[in-house]
Amino acid sequence: MNHTPDNETLTGNESPLDPQAAAALLDQTTQQARRKFQPNPPMLNLFRAFVMLVAFGGLWLSVLGQHPYTGPKPWAIGVCYGLVAIVIAWSTRALRRSGAGVSGPAQRARNIGMGVLLTGWVLVYVWEAAFYKTGAHIVYGIYPATAPFFIIGLAAAAWAAGRSDWPLTVTCLGMAIVGAFAALTGPVYCWLVVGIGLCLAMAGNAVYGFMQQRRSVVRS
C-alpha cells in the first residue's frame, strides 16, 4: 500500500514552509522593497525641508526693507534655483527607482498623475503674465511665492488621497494651507512664512518616514 507523505512527512531533508513564516518573510521582503524604492525617502524630505528654509529665507532677506518693493535680488534667485535643481535631480532619481518593475495600468496612471501636476505647476506661472501690469508686489511677490503651493498643494493632496498615501496627503494639504496663509502677510513676509511653513511640513514628513523605517527594522 502506497503511503502519500502528508505535511508532517517529507522525503529527504525537505521541510514544509510554515504559513506564519511565509507571511513574515513576505512582510519583511515588502518592507525592504519599500525602504529601497519609496518615491519620497525620509532623507530627501529632510533635504527638501532644508532647501525650503534656506531658499525662501534668502528670498525674504533680499526683499527685506525694500521701499518700494521691487522683488527678490538676483543672488537670492540664483541660490534658490541652484538648490531647487538639486532637489529635482534627487527627486527624479527617487521616482525612477520607485517605478522600477512597475508597468501596465499602474505605471500609466502614475505617469499621468505626475504629468498633470507638473503641467499645473507650469501653468500657475504662466498666469503671471496676466498680473504683470498690476505691480511688482504681485508679479514678483505674493503670487509666485504662494499660488503654486496653494493650487498644486490641493491638487497633489487629492491625488495622494486617491492613492491612499496619507502622509503625502497631509504634507500637500499643509503646503496649501501655508500658501493661503502666507498670501495674507504681504509681498515681503510671504517669502518667510512660506519658507518656514514648508520646512515644517517636509520635516514632519521626514520624521514620519524615519519612524516607519525604524518600525520596519524592528519587525524584521
N, C-alpha and C. Protein backbone atom coordinates (compact mmCIF):
# COMPACT_ATOMS: atom_id res chain seq x y z
N MET A 1 0.85 -1.20 0.00
CA MET A 1 0.00 0.00 0.00
C MET A 1 0.87 1.23 0.00
N ASN A 2 0.67 2.07 -0.97
CA ASN A 2 1.49 3.28 -1.08
C ASN A 2 1.04 4.29 -0.05
N HIS A 3 2.04 4.97 0.52
CA HIS A 3 1.75 5.99 1.53
C HIS A 3 2.14 7.35 0.99
N THR A 4 1.17 8.23 0.91
CA THR A 4 1.43 9.57 0.40
C THR A 4 1.89 10.46 1.54
N PRO A 5 3.06 11.09 1.44
CA PRO A 5 3.55 11.92 2.55
C PRO A 5 2.64 13.11 2.77
N ASP A 6 2.29 13.33 4.03
CA ASP A 6 1.47 14.48 4.35
C ASP A 6 2.35 15.66 4.72
N ASN A 7 1.78 16.71 5.36
CA ASN A 7 2.53 17.92 5.68
C ASN A 7 3.61 17.69 6.70
N GLU A 8 3.50 16.57 7.46
CA GLU A 8 4.48 16.34 8.50
C GLU A 8 5.55 15.37 8.09
N THR A 9 5.39 14.72 6.92
CA THR A 9 6.36 13.72 6.49
C THR A 9 6.79 14.04 5.08
N LEU A 10 8.03 14.42 4.92
CA LEU A 10 8.57 14.74 3.61
C LEU A 10 9.83 13.94 3.39
N THR A 11 10.18 13.68 2.13
CA THR A 11 11.36 12.90 1.81
C THR A 11 12.59 13.75 1.96
N GLY A 12 13.69 13.11 2.25
CA GLY A 12 14.97 13.81 2.35
C GLY A 12 14.99 14.75 3.52
N ASN A 13 15.68 15.88 3.32
CA ASN A 13 15.83 16.90 4.34
C ASN A 13 14.86 18.06 4.15
N GLU A 14 13.89 17.91 3.23
CA GLU A 14 12.95 18.99 2.96
C GLU A 14 12.01 19.18 4.15
N SER A 15 11.62 20.40 4.37
CA SER A 15 10.68 20.72 5.44
C SER A 15 9.61 21.64 4.90
N PRO A 16 8.39 21.46 5.38
CA PRO A 16 7.31 22.31 4.87
C PRO A 16 7.53 23.76 5.29
N LEU A 17 7.02 24.67 4.49
CA LEU A 17 7.12 26.10 4.79
C LEU A 17 5.94 26.49 5.67
N ASP A 18 6.24 26.86 6.88
CA ASP A 18 5.21 27.26 7.82
C ASP A 18 4.48 28.50 7.29
N PRO A 19 3.15 28.49 7.26
CA PRO A 19 2.42 29.66 6.75
C PRO A 19 2.77 30.95 7.47
N GLN A 20 2.96 30.89 8.78
CA GLN A 20 3.32 32.08 9.53
C GLN A 20 4.70 32.58 9.13
N ALA A 21 5.63 31.62 8.92
CA ALA A 21 6.98 32.01 8.50
C ALA A 21 6.95 32.62 7.10
N ALA A 22 6.10 32.05 6.24
CA ALA A 22 5.98 32.58 4.87
C ALA A 22 5.42 34.00 4.89
N ALA A 23 4.41 34.22 5.75
CA ALA A 23 3.83 35.56 5.84
C ALA A 23 4.84 36.55 6.39
N ALA A 24 5.63 36.13 7.39
CA ALA A 24 6.66 37.01 7.96
C ALA A 24 7.73 37.33 6.93
N LEU A 25 8.12 36.31 6.12
CA LEU A 25 9.12 36.53 5.08
C LEU A 25 8.61 37.49 4.02
N LEU A 26 7.33 37.33 3.65
CA LEU A 26 6.75 38.23 2.65
C LEU A 26 6.68 39.65 3.18
N ASP A 27 6.29 39.80 4.44
CA ASP A 27 6.22 41.13 5.04
C ASP A 27 7.59 41.78 5.11
N GLN A 28 8.61 40.99 5.47
CA GLN A 28 9.97 41.53 5.55
C GLN A 28 10.46 41.96 4.18
N THR A 29 10.21 41.14 3.17
CA THR A 29 10.63 41.48 1.81
C THR A 29 9.92 42.74 1.32
N THR A 30 8.62 42.85 1.63
CA THR A 30 7.86 44.04 1.23
C THR A 30 8.39 45.29 1.89
N GLN A 31 8.70 45.21 3.19
CA GLN A 31 9.21 46.37 3.90
C GLN A 31 10.57 46.79 3.36
N GLN A 32 11.43 45.81 3.04
CA GLN A 32 12.74 46.13 2.47
C GLN A 32 12.60 46.81 1.11
N ALA A 33 11.66 46.31 0.31
CA ALA A 33 11.44 46.91 -1.01
C ALA A 33 10.93 48.33 -0.88
N ARG A 34 10.04 48.57 0.08
CA ARG A 34 9.51 49.91 0.28
C ARG A 34 10.60 50.87 0.71
N ARG A 35 11.49 50.40 1.60
CA ARG A 35 12.57 51.27 2.06
C ARG A 35 13.53 51.60 0.91
N LYS A 36 13.70 50.66 0.01
CA LYS A 36 14.67 50.84 -1.07
C LYS A 36 14.09 51.64 -2.22
N PHE A 37 12.80 51.48 -2.51
CA PHE A 37 12.24 52.07 -3.71
C PHE A 37 11.11 53.06 -3.45
N GLN A 38 11.04 53.62 -2.25
CA GLN A 38 10.00 54.60 -1.98
C GLN A 38 10.29 55.91 -2.71
N PRO A 39 9.25 56.55 -3.26
CA PRO A 39 9.46 57.76 -4.05
C PRO A 39 9.83 58.99 -3.23
N ASN A 40 9.51 58.97 -1.93
CA ASN A 40 9.82 60.09 -1.06
C ASN A 40 10.59 59.62 0.17
N PRO A 41 11.84 59.22 -0.02
CA PRO A 41 12.62 58.76 1.14
C PRO A 41 12.79 59.86 2.18
N PRO A 42 12.87 59.49 3.46
CA PRO A 42 12.96 60.50 4.52
C PRO A 42 14.13 61.47 4.36
N MET A 43 15.28 60.98 3.92
CA MET A 43 16.43 61.87 3.75
C MET A 43 16.16 62.92 2.69
N LEU A 44 15.44 62.54 1.65
CA LEU A 44 15.09 63.51 0.60
C LEU A 44 14.14 64.57 1.16
N ASN A 45 13.16 64.16 1.95
CA ASN A 45 12.25 65.13 2.54
C ASN A 45 12.97 66.03 3.54
N LEU A 46 13.94 65.48 4.25
CA LEU A 46 14.72 66.30 5.18
C LEU A 46 15.52 67.34 4.41
N PHE A 47 16.09 66.94 3.28
CA PHE A 47 16.84 67.90 2.45
C PHE A 47 15.90 68.93 1.85
N ARG A 48 14.70 68.51 1.46
CA ARG A 48 13.72 69.46 0.94
C ARG A 48 13.37 70.50 2.00
N ALA A 49 13.25 70.05 3.25
CA ALA A 49 12.95 71.00 4.33
C ALA A 49 14.06 72.03 4.47
N PHE A 50 15.31 71.57 4.38
CA PHE A 50 16.46 72.47 4.45
C PHE A 50 16.44 73.47 3.29
N VAL A 51 16.15 72.95 2.10
CA VAL A 51 16.13 73.81 0.90
C VAL A 51 15.05 74.87 1.03
N MET A 52 13.87 74.49 1.48
CA MET A 52 12.79 75.45 1.61
C MET A 52 13.15 76.58 2.57
N LEU A 53 13.76 76.22 3.67
CA LEU A 53 14.11 77.23 4.66
C LEU A 53 15.20 78.16 4.14
N VAL A 54 16.24 77.60 3.53
CA VAL A 54 17.36 78.40 3.04
C VAL A 54 16.95 79.23 1.82
N ALA A 55 16.27 78.59 0.85
CA ALA A 55 15.91 79.29 -0.39
C ALA A 55 14.93 80.43 -0.13
N PHE A 56 13.85 80.14 0.57
CA PHE A 56 12.86 81.19 0.81
C PHE A 56 13.32 82.17 1.88
N GLY A 57 14.17 81.71 2.79
CA GLY A 57 14.75 82.64 3.75
C GLY A 57 15.66 83.65 3.05
N GLY A 58 16.41 83.17 2.06
CA GLY A 58 17.26 84.07 1.29
C GLY A 58 16.46 85.06 0.47
N LEU A 59 15.36 84.57 -0.12
CA LEU A 59 14.49 85.48 -0.88
C LEU A 59 13.89 86.55 0.03
N TRP A 60 13.52 86.16 1.23
CA TRP A 60 12.96 87.13 2.18
C TRP A 60 14.00 88.18 2.57
N LEU A 61 15.23 87.72 2.85
CA LEU A 61 16.29 88.67 3.22
C LEU A 61 16.58 89.65 2.09
N SER A 62 16.45 89.18 0.85
CA SER A 62 16.78 90.05 -0.28
C SER A 62 15.72 91.12 -0.52
N VAL A 63 14.50 90.92 0.00
CA VAL A 63 13.45 91.93 -0.20
C VAL A 63 13.17 92.72 1.08
N LEU A 64 13.80 92.32 2.16
CA LEU A 64 13.54 92.99 3.44
C LEU A 64 14.00 94.44 3.38
N GLY A 65 13.12 95.35 3.73
CA GLY A 65 13.45 96.76 3.75
C GLY A 65 13.31 97.48 2.43
N GLN A 66 12.79 96.81 1.40
CA GLN A 66 12.62 97.47 0.10
C GLN A 66 11.45 98.45 0.13
N HIS A 67 11.70 99.67 -0.27
CA HIS A 67 10.67 100.71 -0.37
C HIS A 67 10.96 101.56 -1.61
N PRO A 68 10.23 101.40 -2.70
CA PRO A 68 9.11 100.47 -2.86
C PRO A 68 9.60 99.04 -3.13
N TYR A 69 8.69 98.12 -3.05
CA TYR A 69 9.02 96.71 -3.27
C TYR A 69 9.32 96.48 -4.75
N THR A 70 10.45 95.82 -5.03
CA THR A 70 10.84 95.54 -6.41
C THR A 70 11.05 94.06 -6.70
N GLY A 71 11.01 93.22 -5.68
CA GLY A 71 11.18 91.79 -5.89
C GLY A 71 12.53 91.28 -5.41
N PRO A 72 12.72 89.96 -5.35
CA PRO A 72 13.96 89.36 -4.87
C PRO A 72 15.18 89.77 -5.69
N LYS A 73 16.33 89.82 -5.03
CA LYS A 73 17.58 90.15 -5.70
C LYS A 73 18.09 88.95 -6.52
N PRO A 74 18.89 89.22 -7.57
CA PRO A 74 19.38 88.13 -8.42
C PRO A 74 20.15 87.06 -7.65
N TRP A 75 20.95 87.44 -6.63
CA TRP A 75 21.71 86.44 -5.90
C TRP A 75 20.80 85.46 -5.17
N ALA A 76 19.69 85.97 -4.62
CA ALA A 76 18.75 85.11 -3.91
C ALA A 76 18.04 84.16 -4.88
N ILE A 77 17.68 84.69 -6.04
CA ILE A 77 17.04 83.85 -7.05
C ILE A 77 17.99 82.77 -7.53
N GLY A 78 19.27 83.13 -7.70
CA GLY A 78 20.27 82.15 -8.14
C GLY A 78 20.44 81.03 -7.13
N VAL A 79 20.52 81.39 -5.84
CA VAL A 79 20.66 80.37 -4.79
C VAL A 79 19.43 79.46 -4.78
N CYS A 80 18.26 80.07 -4.90
CA CYS A 80 17.01 79.30 -4.90
C CYS A 80 16.98 78.31 -6.06
N TYR A 81 17.30 78.77 -7.26
CA TYR A 81 17.27 77.90 -8.42
C TYR A 81 18.30 76.78 -8.32
N GLY A 82 19.47 77.09 -7.77
CA GLY A 82 20.50 76.07 -7.62
C GLY A 82 20.07 74.96 -6.68
N LEU A 83 19.50 75.34 -5.54
CA LEU A 83 19.04 74.34 -4.58
C LEU A 83 17.87 73.53 -5.13
N VAL A 84 16.96 74.21 -5.82
CA VAL A 84 15.82 73.52 -6.41
C VAL A 84 16.27 72.52 -7.47
N ALA A 85 17.30 72.87 -8.23
CA ALA A 85 17.82 71.95 -9.25
C ALA A 85 18.33 70.66 -8.61
N ILE A 86 19.00 70.79 -7.46
CA ILE A 86 19.48 69.60 -6.75
C ILE A 86 18.30 68.75 -6.28
N VAL A 87 17.28 69.41 -5.74
CA VAL A 87 16.10 68.68 -5.27
C VAL A 87 15.42 67.95 -6.43
N ILE A 88 15.30 68.62 -7.58
CA ILE A 88 14.67 67.99 -8.75
C ILE A 88 15.45 66.77 -9.20
N ALA A 89 16.78 66.87 -9.23
CA ALA A 89 17.62 65.74 -9.65
C ALA A 89 17.45 64.56 -8.70
N TRP A 90 17.48 64.84 -7.40
CA TRP A 90 17.33 63.78 -6.40
C TRP A 90 15.93 63.17 -6.47
N SER A 91 14.92 64.02 -6.62
CA SER A 91 13.54 63.54 -6.68
C SER A 91 13.31 62.67 -7.92
N THR A 92 13.89 63.09 -9.05
CA THR A 92 13.76 62.31 -10.28
C THR A 92 14.38 60.93 -10.12
N ARG A 93 15.54 60.88 -9.48
CA ARG A 93 16.21 59.60 -9.25
C ARG A 93 15.37 58.71 -8.34
N ALA A 94 14.78 59.30 -7.28
CA ALA A 94 13.95 58.52 -6.37
C ALA A 94 12.70 58.00 -7.08
N LEU A 95 12.10 58.82 -7.95
CA LEU A 95 10.91 58.40 -8.67
C LEU A 95 11.22 57.26 -9.64
N ARG A 96 12.37 57.34 -10.30
CA ARG A 96 12.76 56.27 -11.23
C ARG A 96 12.98 54.97 -10.49
N ARG A 97 13.62 55.03 -9.34
CA ARG A 97 13.87 53.82 -8.56
C ARG A 97 12.57 53.24 -8.03
N SER A 98 11.66 54.11 -7.60
CA SER A 98 10.39 53.62 -7.06
C SER A 98 9.52 53.00 -8.15
N GLY A 99 9.74 53.43 -9.40
CA GLY A 99 8.95 52.89 -10.50
C GLY A 99 9.58 51.71 -11.19
N ALA A 100 10.75 51.25 -10.70
CA ALA A 100 11.42 50.10 -11.30
C ALA A 100 10.54 48.85 -11.16
N GLY A 101 10.30 48.18 -12.27
CA GLY A 101 9.49 46.96 -12.25
C GLY A 101 8.00 47.20 -12.30
N VAL A 102 7.57 48.45 -12.28
CA VAL A 102 6.15 48.76 -12.35
C VAL A 102 5.77 49.04 -13.81
N SER A 103 4.74 48.36 -14.28
CA SER A 103 4.35 48.53 -15.67
C SER A 103 2.83 48.40 -15.77
N GLY A 104 2.32 48.55 -16.99
CA GLY A 104 0.90 48.39 -17.21
C GLY A 104 0.09 49.58 -16.74
N PRO A 105 -1.17 49.34 -16.36
CA PRO A 105 -2.07 50.43 -15.95
C PRO A 105 -1.54 51.23 -14.77
N ALA A 106 -0.88 50.55 -13.82
CA ALA A 106 -0.35 51.27 -12.64
C ALA A 106 0.69 52.30 -13.05
N GLN A 107 1.58 51.92 -13.97
CA GLN A 107 2.61 52.82 -14.44
C GLN A 107 2.01 53.97 -15.23
N ARG A 108 1.02 53.68 -16.06
CA ARG A 108 0.39 54.74 -16.86
C ARG A 108 -0.36 55.72 -15.95
N ALA A 109 -1.07 55.21 -14.98
CA ALA A 109 -1.79 56.09 -14.06
C ALA A 109 -0.82 56.96 -13.27
N ARG A 110 0.30 56.39 -12.87
CA ARG A 110 1.32 57.14 -12.13
C ARG A 110 1.90 58.25 -12.99
N ASN A 111 2.23 57.92 -14.24
CA ASN A 111 2.81 58.92 -15.14
C ASN A 111 1.82 60.03 -15.47
N ILE A 112 0.55 59.66 -15.67
CA ILE A 112 -0.47 60.67 -15.98
C ILE A 112 -0.65 61.61 -14.79
N GLY A 113 -0.71 61.04 -13.60
CA GLY A 113 -0.87 61.87 -12.41
C GLY A 113 0.27 62.85 -12.23
N MET A 114 1.50 62.37 -12.40
CA MET A 114 2.66 63.25 -12.27
C MET A 114 2.67 64.28 -13.38
N GLY A 115 2.27 63.89 -14.58
CA GLY A 115 2.23 64.83 -15.70
C GLY A 115 1.22 65.95 -15.48
N VAL A 116 0.05 65.60 -14.93
CA VAL A 116 -0.96 66.62 -14.66
C VAL A 116 -0.46 67.61 -13.62
N LEU A 117 0.17 67.11 -12.56
CA LEU A 117 0.68 68.00 -11.52
C LEU A 117 1.78 68.91 -12.06
N LEU A 118 2.66 68.36 -12.89
CA LEU A 118 3.73 69.16 -13.47
C LEU A 118 3.16 70.23 -14.40
N THR A 119 2.17 69.86 -15.20
CA THR A 119 1.54 70.83 -16.10
C THR A 119 0.87 71.94 -15.30
N GLY A 120 0.19 71.56 -14.22
CA GLY A 120 -0.45 72.56 -13.38
C GLY A 120 0.55 73.53 -12.78
N TRP A 121 1.70 73.01 -12.37
CA TRP A 121 2.74 73.86 -11.78
C TRP A 121 3.23 74.89 -12.80
N VAL A 122 3.44 74.44 -14.04
CA VAL A 122 3.90 75.35 -15.10
C VAL A 122 2.84 76.40 -15.40
N LEU A 123 1.57 75.99 -15.49
CA LEU A 123 0.50 76.92 -15.83
C LEU A 123 0.29 77.97 -14.75
N VAL A 124 0.58 77.63 -13.51
CA VAL A 124 0.47 78.62 -12.44
C VAL A 124 1.37 79.81 -12.73
N TYR A 125 2.57 79.53 -13.21
CA TYR A 125 3.50 80.62 -13.51
C TYR A 125 3.17 81.32 -14.82
N VAL A 126 2.52 80.61 -15.74
CA VAL A 126 2.10 81.24 -16.99
C VAL A 126 1.10 82.36 -16.69
N TRP A 127 0.31 82.16 -15.65
CA TRP A 127 -0.68 83.18 -15.28
C TRP A 127 -0.05 84.50 -14.86
N GLU A 128 1.21 84.47 -14.54
CA GLU A 128 1.86 85.71 -14.10
C GLU A 128 1.78 86.81 -15.16
N ALA A 129 1.73 86.40 -16.42
CA ALA A 129 1.65 87.40 -17.49
C ALA A 129 0.39 88.24 -17.35
N ALA A 130 -0.67 87.63 -16.81
CA ALA A 130 -1.92 88.37 -16.65
C ALA A 130 -1.84 89.40 -15.53
N PHE A 131 -0.90 89.22 -14.62
CA PHE A 131 -0.76 90.13 -13.49
C PHE A 131 0.36 91.15 -13.68
N TYR A 132 1.02 91.11 -14.81
CA TYR A 132 2.22 91.93 -14.99
C TYR A 132 1.95 93.41 -14.77
N LYS A 133 0.80 93.92 -15.24
CA LYS A 133 0.51 95.34 -15.15
C LYS A 133 -0.06 95.77 -13.79
N THR A 134 -0.22 94.80 -12.89
CA THR A 134 -0.79 95.13 -11.58
C THR A 134 0.25 95.60 -10.59
N GLY A 135 1.53 95.42 -10.88
CA GLY A 135 2.58 95.89 -9.99
C GLY A 135 3.53 94.79 -9.57
N ALA A 136 4.74 95.20 -9.17
CA ALA A 136 5.79 94.23 -8.82
C ALA A 136 5.43 93.42 -7.59
N HIS A 137 4.62 93.98 -6.69
CA HIS A 137 4.31 93.25 -5.46
C HIS A 137 3.47 92.01 -5.74
N ILE A 138 2.81 91.96 -6.91
CA ILE A 138 2.07 90.77 -7.31
C ILE A 138 2.93 89.87 -8.18
N VAL A 139 3.57 90.45 -9.20
CA VAL A 139 4.33 89.67 -10.17
C VAL A 139 5.55 89.02 -9.54
N TYR A 140 6.23 89.71 -8.65
CA TYR A 140 7.47 89.20 -8.07
C TYR A 140 7.36 88.91 -6.58
N GLY A 141 6.13 88.90 -6.08
CA GLY A 141 5.99 88.69 -4.64
C GLY A 141 4.92 87.69 -4.28
N ILE A 142 3.75 88.18 -3.97
CA ILE A 142 2.70 87.35 -3.39
C ILE A 142 2.35 86.15 -4.28
N TYR A 143 2.10 86.40 -5.56
CA TYR A 143 1.62 85.32 -6.42
C TYR A 143 2.63 84.19 -6.59
N PRO A 144 3.86 84.44 -7.07
CA PRO A 144 4.79 83.33 -7.26
C PRO A 144 5.24 82.67 -5.96
N ALA A 145 5.15 83.40 -4.85
CA ALA A 145 5.58 82.83 -3.58
C ALA A 145 4.52 81.92 -2.96
N THR A 146 3.25 82.15 -3.29
CA THR A 146 2.19 81.43 -2.60
C THR A 146 1.28 80.61 -3.50
N ALA A 147 0.94 81.11 -4.68
CA ALA A 147 -0.04 80.45 -5.55
C ALA A 147 0.34 79.02 -5.93
N PRO A 148 1.61 78.76 -6.32
CA PRO A 148 1.94 77.38 -6.70
C PRO A 148 1.68 76.38 -5.58
N PHE A 149 2.01 76.74 -4.35
CA PHE A 149 1.86 75.82 -3.24
C PHE A 149 0.40 75.67 -2.83
N PHE A 150 -0.39 76.71 -3.01
CA PHE A 150 -1.82 76.62 -2.70
C PHE A 150 -2.55 75.77 -3.73
N ILE A 151 -2.36 76.08 -5.00
CA ILE A 151 -3.10 75.40 -6.07
C ILE A 151 -2.61 73.96 -6.25
N ILE A 152 -1.30 73.80 -6.44
CA ILE A 152 -0.76 72.47 -6.68
C ILE A 152 -0.79 71.64 -5.41
N GLY A 153 -0.68 72.28 -4.25
CA GLY A 153 -0.77 71.55 -2.99
C GLY A 153 -2.11 70.85 -2.84
N LEU A 154 -3.19 71.56 -3.18
CA LEU A 154 -4.52 70.96 -3.11
C LEU A 154 -4.67 69.82 -4.13
N ALA A 155 -4.18 70.05 -5.35
CA ALA A 155 -4.28 69.01 -6.38
C ALA A 155 -3.47 67.77 -5.99
N ALA A 156 -2.26 68.00 -5.48
CA ALA A 156 -1.41 66.87 -5.08
C ALA A 156 -2.01 66.14 -3.88
N ALA A 157 -2.64 66.86 -2.97
CA ALA A 157 -3.28 66.22 -1.82
C ALA A 157 -4.41 65.31 -2.27
N ALA A 158 -5.21 65.77 -3.23
CA ALA A 158 -6.30 64.95 -3.76
C ALA A 158 -5.74 63.71 -4.46
N TRP A 159 -4.67 63.89 -5.23
CA TRP A 159 -4.04 62.77 -5.94
C TRP A 159 -3.49 61.75 -4.95
N ALA A 160 -2.81 62.22 -3.91
CA ALA A 160 -2.23 61.32 -2.91
C ALA A 160 -3.33 60.61 -2.13
N ALA A 161 -4.43 61.30 -1.84
CA ALA A 161 -5.53 60.67 -1.12
C ALA A 161 -6.15 59.56 -1.95
N GLY A 162 -6.22 59.77 -3.27
CA GLY A 162 -6.74 58.73 -4.15
C GLY A 162 -5.88 57.49 -4.16
N ARG A 163 -4.59 57.64 -3.84
CA ARG A 163 -3.68 56.50 -3.78
C ARG A 163 -3.51 55.99 -2.36
N SER A 164 -4.30 56.55 -1.43
CA SER A 164 -4.24 56.17 0.00
C SER A 164 -2.86 56.42 0.60
N ASP A 165 -2.18 57.42 0.07
CA ASP A 165 -0.89 57.83 0.63
C ASP A 165 -1.16 58.96 1.61
N TRP A 166 -1.52 58.62 2.84
CA TRP A 166 -1.97 59.62 3.81
C TRP A 166 -0.87 60.55 4.28
N PRO A 167 0.38 60.09 4.51
CA PRO A 167 1.43 61.04 4.89
C PRO A 167 1.64 62.12 3.83
N LEU A 168 1.66 61.71 2.55
CA LEU A 168 1.82 62.69 1.48
C LEU A 168 0.60 63.59 1.37
N THR A 169 -0.58 63.04 1.62
CA THR A 169 -1.80 63.84 1.60
C THR A 169 -1.74 64.97 2.63
N VAL A 170 -1.34 64.62 3.85
CA VAL A 170 -1.23 65.61 4.92
C VAL A 170 -0.18 66.66 4.58
N THR A 171 0.95 66.22 4.03
CA THR A 171 2.03 67.15 3.68
C THR A 171 1.57 68.14 2.61
N CYS A 172 0.94 67.64 1.55
CA CYS A 172 0.49 68.51 0.47
C CYS A 172 -0.63 69.45 0.93
N LEU A 173 -1.51 68.94 1.78
CA LEU A 173 -2.56 69.80 2.31
C LEU A 173 -1.96 70.90 3.18
N GLY A 174 -0.91 70.55 3.93
CA GLY A 174 -0.21 71.55 4.73
C GLY A 174 0.42 72.61 3.85
N MET A 175 0.97 72.20 2.70
CA MET A 175 1.55 73.16 1.76
C MET A 175 0.50 74.15 1.29
N ALA A 176 -0.71 73.64 0.97
CA ALA A 176 -1.78 74.51 0.51
C ALA A 176 -2.20 75.51 1.59
N ILE A 177 -2.27 75.05 2.82
CA ILE A 177 -2.65 75.93 3.93
C ILE A 177 -1.59 77.00 4.14
N VAL A 178 -0.33 76.61 4.07
CA VAL A 178 0.76 77.57 4.22
C VAL A 178 0.69 78.63 3.13
N GLY A 179 0.46 78.19 1.87
CA GLY A 179 0.37 79.13 0.77
C GLY A 179 -0.77 80.13 0.95
N ALA A 180 -1.92 79.64 1.42
CA ALA A 180 -3.08 80.53 1.61
C ALA A 180 -2.81 81.54 2.73
N PHE A 181 -2.22 81.07 3.83
CA PHE A 181 -1.96 81.97 4.95
C PHE A 181 -0.87 82.99 4.60
N ALA A 182 0.17 82.52 3.89
CA ALA A 182 1.28 83.41 3.55
C ALA A 182 0.82 84.55 2.65
N ALA A 183 -0.17 84.30 1.80
CA ALA A 183 -0.65 85.34 0.89
C ALA A 183 -1.22 86.54 1.65
N LEU A 184 -1.62 86.32 2.89
CA LEU A 184 -2.22 87.40 3.68
C LEU A 184 -1.17 88.26 4.38
N THR A 185 0.10 87.85 4.32
CA THR A 185 1.13 88.56 5.07
C THR A 185 1.86 89.61 4.24
N GLY A 186 1.53 89.76 2.96
CA GLY A 186 2.16 90.79 2.14
C GLY A 186 3.32 90.29 1.32
N PRO A 187 3.82 91.12 0.39
CA PRO A 187 4.85 90.69 -0.55
C PRO A 187 6.22 90.44 0.08
N VAL A 188 6.49 90.97 1.24
CA VAL A 188 7.80 90.78 1.87
C VAL A 188 7.80 89.53 2.75
N TYR A 189 6.89 89.49 3.71
CA TYR A 189 6.92 88.41 4.69
C TYR A 189 6.31 87.11 4.18
N CYS A 190 5.66 87.14 3.02
CA CYS A 190 5.13 85.89 2.48
C CYS A 190 6.25 84.90 2.17
N TRP A 191 7.42 85.42 1.75
CA TRP A 191 8.57 84.54 1.48
C TRP A 191 9.01 83.82 2.74
N LEU A 192 9.07 84.54 3.86
CA LEU A 192 9.49 83.94 5.12
C LEU A 192 8.48 82.93 5.63
N VAL A 193 7.20 83.28 5.55
CA VAL A 193 6.15 82.38 6.03
C VAL A 193 6.13 81.08 5.22
N VAL A 194 6.27 81.21 3.90
CA VAL A 194 6.30 80.02 3.04
C VAL A 194 7.51 79.15 3.38
N GLY A 195 8.66 79.77 3.54
CA GLY A 195 9.87 79.01 3.85
C GLY A 195 9.74 78.23 5.15
N ILE A 196 9.28 78.89 6.20
CA ILE A 196 9.14 78.22 7.50
C ILE A 196 8.05 77.15 7.44
N GLY A 197 6.91 77.49 6.83
CA GLY A 197 5.80 76.54 6.77
C GLY A 197 6.14 75.29 5.98
N LEU A 198 6.77 75.46 4.81
CA LEU A 198 7.12 74.31 4.00
C LEU A 198 8.23 73.49 4.66
N CYS A 199 9.14 74.16 5.34
CA CYS A 199 10.20 73.46 6.06
C CYS A 199 9.60 72.54 7.12
N LEU A 200 8.64 73.05 7.87
CA LEU A 200 7.99 72.24 8.91
C LEU A 200 7.21 71.07 8.31
N ALA A 201 6.53 71.32 7.18
CA ALA A 201 5.75 70.26 6.54
C ALA A 201 6.66 69.14 6.04
N MET A 202 7.75 69.49 5.37
CA MET A 202 8.69 68.49 4.87
C MET A 202 9.40 67.77 6.01
N ALA A 203 9.78 68.52 7.04
CA ALA A 203 10.46 67.90 8.18
C ALA A 203 9.53 66.92 8.88
N GLY A 204 8.25 67.27 9.02
CA GLY A 204 7.29 66.37 9.62
C GLY A 204 7.15 65.09 8.82
N ASN A 205 7.11 65.20 7.50
CA ASN A 205 7.03 64.02 6.64
C ASN A 205 8.28 63.17 6.78
N ALA A 206 9.44 63.81 6.90
CA ALA A 206 10.69 63.08 7.05
C ALA A 206 10.72 62.32 8.38
N VAL A 207 10.28 62.96 9.46
CA VAL A 207 10.25 62.31 10.77
C VAL A 207 9.34 61.09 10.73
N TYR A 208 8.18 61.24 10.10
CA TYR A 208 7.26 60.11 9.97
C TYR A 208 7.92 58.97 9.18
N GLY A 209 8.63 59.32 8.11
CA GLY A 209 9.31 58.30 7.32
C GLY A 209 10.38 57.57 8.11
N PHE A 210 11.16 58.30 8.90
CA PHE A 210 12.18 57.66 9.73
C PHE A 210 11.54 56.74 10.77
N MET A 211 10.40 57.14 11.33
CA MET A 211 9.70 56.30 12.30
C MET A 211 9.20 55.02 11.65
N GLN A 212 8.69 55.13 10.42
CA GLN A 212 8.23 53.94 9.71
C GLN A 212 9.37 53.00 9.40
N GLN A 213 10.51 53.55 9.01
CA GLN A 213 11.69 52.72 8.75
C GLN A 213 12.14 52.00 10.00
N ARG A 214 12.13 52.69 11.13
CA ARG A 214 12.54 52.08 12.38
C ARG A 214 11.61 50.94 12.78
N ARG A 215 10.31 51.15 12.60
CA ARG A 215 9.35 50.09 12.89
C ARG A 215 9.56 48.88 11.98
N SER A 216 9.88 49.15 10.71
CA SER A 216 10.12 48.07 9.77
C SER A 216 11.33 47.25 10.18
N VAL A 217 12.37 47.93 10.65
CA VAL A 217 13.59 47.23 11.08
C VAL A 217 13.30 46.38 12.31
N VAL A 218 12.51 46.91 13.24
CA VAL A 218 12.17 46.16 14.46
C VAL A 218 11.36 44.93 14.11
N ARG A 219 10.42 45.05 13.18
CA ARG A 219 9.60 43.91 12.79
C ARG A 219 10.42 42.82 12.14
N SER A 220 11.41 43.25 11.32
CA SER A 220 12.21 42.26 10.60
C SER A 220 13.27 41.63 11.50
